[in-house]
Structures are given as structure tokens and as C-alpha cells.
Protein backbone atom coordinates (compact mmCIF):
# COMPACT_ATOMS: atom_id res chain seq x y z
CA MET A 1 10.48 -13.68 4.25
CA PRO A 2 8.75 -10.25 3.35
CA SER A 3 5.89 -9.84 1.29
CA LYS A 4 6.46 -7.63 -2.10
CA ASP A 5 3.92 -5.69 0.08
CA GLU A 6 5.70 -5.34 3.10
CA VAL A 7 8.86 -4.71 0.58
CA ALA A 8 6.91 -1.74 -0.74
CA ALA A 9 5.57 -0.25 2.37
CA PHE A 10 9.41 -0.30 3.99
CA PHE A 11 10.57 1.55 0.88
CA ALA A 12 7.71 4.47 1.59
CA GLN A 13 8.39 4.91 4.97
CA MET A 14 11.81 5.69 4.08
CA PRO A 15 11.41 9.47 3.92
CA ALA A 16 10.19 9.40 7.39
CA ILE A 17 13.16 7.76 8.76
CA PHE A 18 15.55 9.78 6.89
CA VAL A 19 17.91 11.80 9.31
CA PRO A 20 18.89 14.34 7.53
CA GLU A 21 21.56 16.04 9.37
CA LYS A 22 23.77 12.68 8.70
CA ALA A 23 22.86 13.76 4.69
CA GLN A 24 24.44 16.73 4.57
CA GLY A 25 26.49 17.83 1.06
CA VAL A 26 24.66 14.54 -0.34
CA ASN A 27 22.83 15.19 -3.59
CA ALA A 28 22.41 11.99 -5.12
CA VAL A 29 20.26 9.31 -6.54
CA MET A 30 20.46 5.83 -5.50
CA GLN A 31 19.03 3.31 -7.84
CA ILE A 32 17.76 -0.20 -5.44
CA ASN A 33 16.98 -3.12 -7.69
CA LEU A 34 15.48 -6.28 -5.69
CA ALA A 35 15.05 -9.75 -7.49
CA GLY A 36 12.46 -12.55 -6.38
CA ASP A 37 9.09 -12.55 -6.22
CA ASN A 38 8.71 -10.06 -3.82
CA GLY A 39 11.59 -7.87 -5.24
CA GLY A 40 11.14 -4.85 -7.92
CA GLN A 41 12.77 -1.27 -8.51
CA TRP A 42 13.06 2.14 -6.47
CA TRP A 43 15.27 4.87 -6.41
CA ILE A 44 15.85 7.33 -3.61
CA ARG A 45 16.73 10.64 -4.18
CA ILE A 46 18.44 12.58 -1.34
CA ALA A 47 19.09 16.67 -2.47
CA ASP A 48 19.13 20.00 0.13
CA GLY A 49 18.34 17.35 3.39
CA THR A 50 15.58 16.26 1.88
CA CYS A 51 14.47 12.17 0.81
CA GLU A 52 12.38 11.11 -2.45
CA VAL A 53 11.41 7.58 -3.03
CA THR A 54 9.95 6.41 -6.42
CA GLU A 55 9.41 3.13 -7.44
CA GLY A 56 10.71 2.50 -10.90
CA GLU A 57 13.89 2.96 -12.56
CA TYR A 58 16.21 6.15 -12.73
CA ALA A 59 18.43 6.41 -16.05
CA ASN A 60 21.83 7.73 -14.35
CA PRO A 61 22.08 7.22 -10.73
CA ALA A 62 25.28 7.70 -8.75
CA MET A 63 25.00 4.23 -7.38
CA THR A 64 23.30 1.21 -7.96
CA LEU A 65 22.39 -1.50 -5.00
CA SER A 66 21.33 -4.96 -6.02
CA ALA A 67 20.11 -8.19 -3.79
CA LYS A 68 17.52 -10.03 -3.00
CA ALA A 69 14.35 -8.73 -1.57
CA ASP A 70 14.91 -10.81 1.16
CA ASP A 71 18.82 -10.05 1.86
CA LEU A 72 18.07 -6.58 1.78
CA TYR A 73 15.06 -6.10 3.89
CA ASP A 74 17.02 -8.39 6.23
CA ALA A 75 20.32 -6.18 6.57
CA MET A 76 17.99 -3.00 6.37
CA THR A 77 15.90 -4.20 9.08
CA GLY A 78 18.63 -5.71 11.28
CA LYS A 79 17.88 -8.81 11.12
CA THR A 80 21.27 -9.08 9.49
CA ASN A 81 24.35 -7.30 9.21
CA ALA A 82 25.06 -5.19 5.89
CA VAL A 83 28.32 -5.08 5.94
CA ALA A 84 28.67 -9.21 5.90
CA SER A 85 25.84 -9.27 3.41
CA PHE A 86 27.84 -6.84 1.15
CA MET A 87 30.95 -8.76 2.23
CA GLN A 88 29.08 -12.55 1.76
CA GLY A 89 27.97 -11.38 -1.74
CA LYS A 90 24.35 -11.07 -0.91
CA ILE A 91 24.40 -7.13 -1.77
CA LYS A 92 26.27 -5.62 -4.79
CA VAL A 93 27.32 -1.90 -5.48
CA ALA A 94 27.83 -0.50 -8.64
CA GLY A 95 28.93 3.21 -8.88
CA ASP A 96 29.67 5.57 -5.89
CA MET A 97 30.16 3.08 -3.26
CA SER A 98 30.28 5.64 -0.43
CA LEU A 99 26.63 6.44 -0.93
CA ALA A 100 26.02 2.96 0.52
CA LEU A 101 28.17 3.18 3.27
CA LYS A 102 25.88 6.59 4.44
CA MET A 103 22.75 4.69 3.76
CA GLN A 104 23.18 3.35 7.30
CA SER A 105 23.72 6.77 8.85
CA MET A 106 21.21 8.54 6.25
CA PHE A 107 18.20 6.59 7.34
CA LYS A 108 17.27 5.43 11.20
CA PHE A 109 17.02 1.58 10.58
CA THR A 110 15.47 -0.31 13.17
CA ALA A 111 14.58 -4.31 13.47
């Protein structure tokens, strides 16, 4: 189980693992809501080939992803399959589903 600091550090490094060429035409904000003792809220703005990650809640995101912090962390670090976690109901998506699908290619997630 990742600590709250490890989860926060993961989100802080997202701009560094962002792949701009995979985000062509994307101009949106994604809200991430993580439950659990190590959870929190972050929003990710993708615009003009750039990525900005901010802790907190965004008023009108195009997509909201909700999960337990452990489940999303495992999916994003390759310990579990993100699509399988979604199908099992561990990761929930509201709004623009295509953004959730693009996340795997817009970021160079590693195990």
C-alpha cells in the first residue's frame, strides 16, 4: 500500500512523464478523487501540449475519475491492469470516457 506521500509524489511527477504528442487535440481538465487514508484530490489540465497537475478540486472537469488510492496507484504503476480495474468497478469514470482511455497513452506510466 503506497503512503499518502507516495501518492502525492506520483501526481507531482505526472508532468515529467507526460507525452505531448499523444495528447494532440486534447484541451481538458480531469479530476481525480482518491479515497482512503492515503487518498486526496488532484486535477490534471491538458492543453496545448502541456500538462499541469494541481492538488484540490476543479469546478467543472471534463472527466472525473474516482477510486481507492491503492487501486489507482496500482493501475498507474503497472501492478494491475487499468482496464480490468475499471471493469471490476475499482475505478469509476464520470464524464468524457475518452479522456480516461487516453490517459494510458498520454502518460508514460511504469512499474
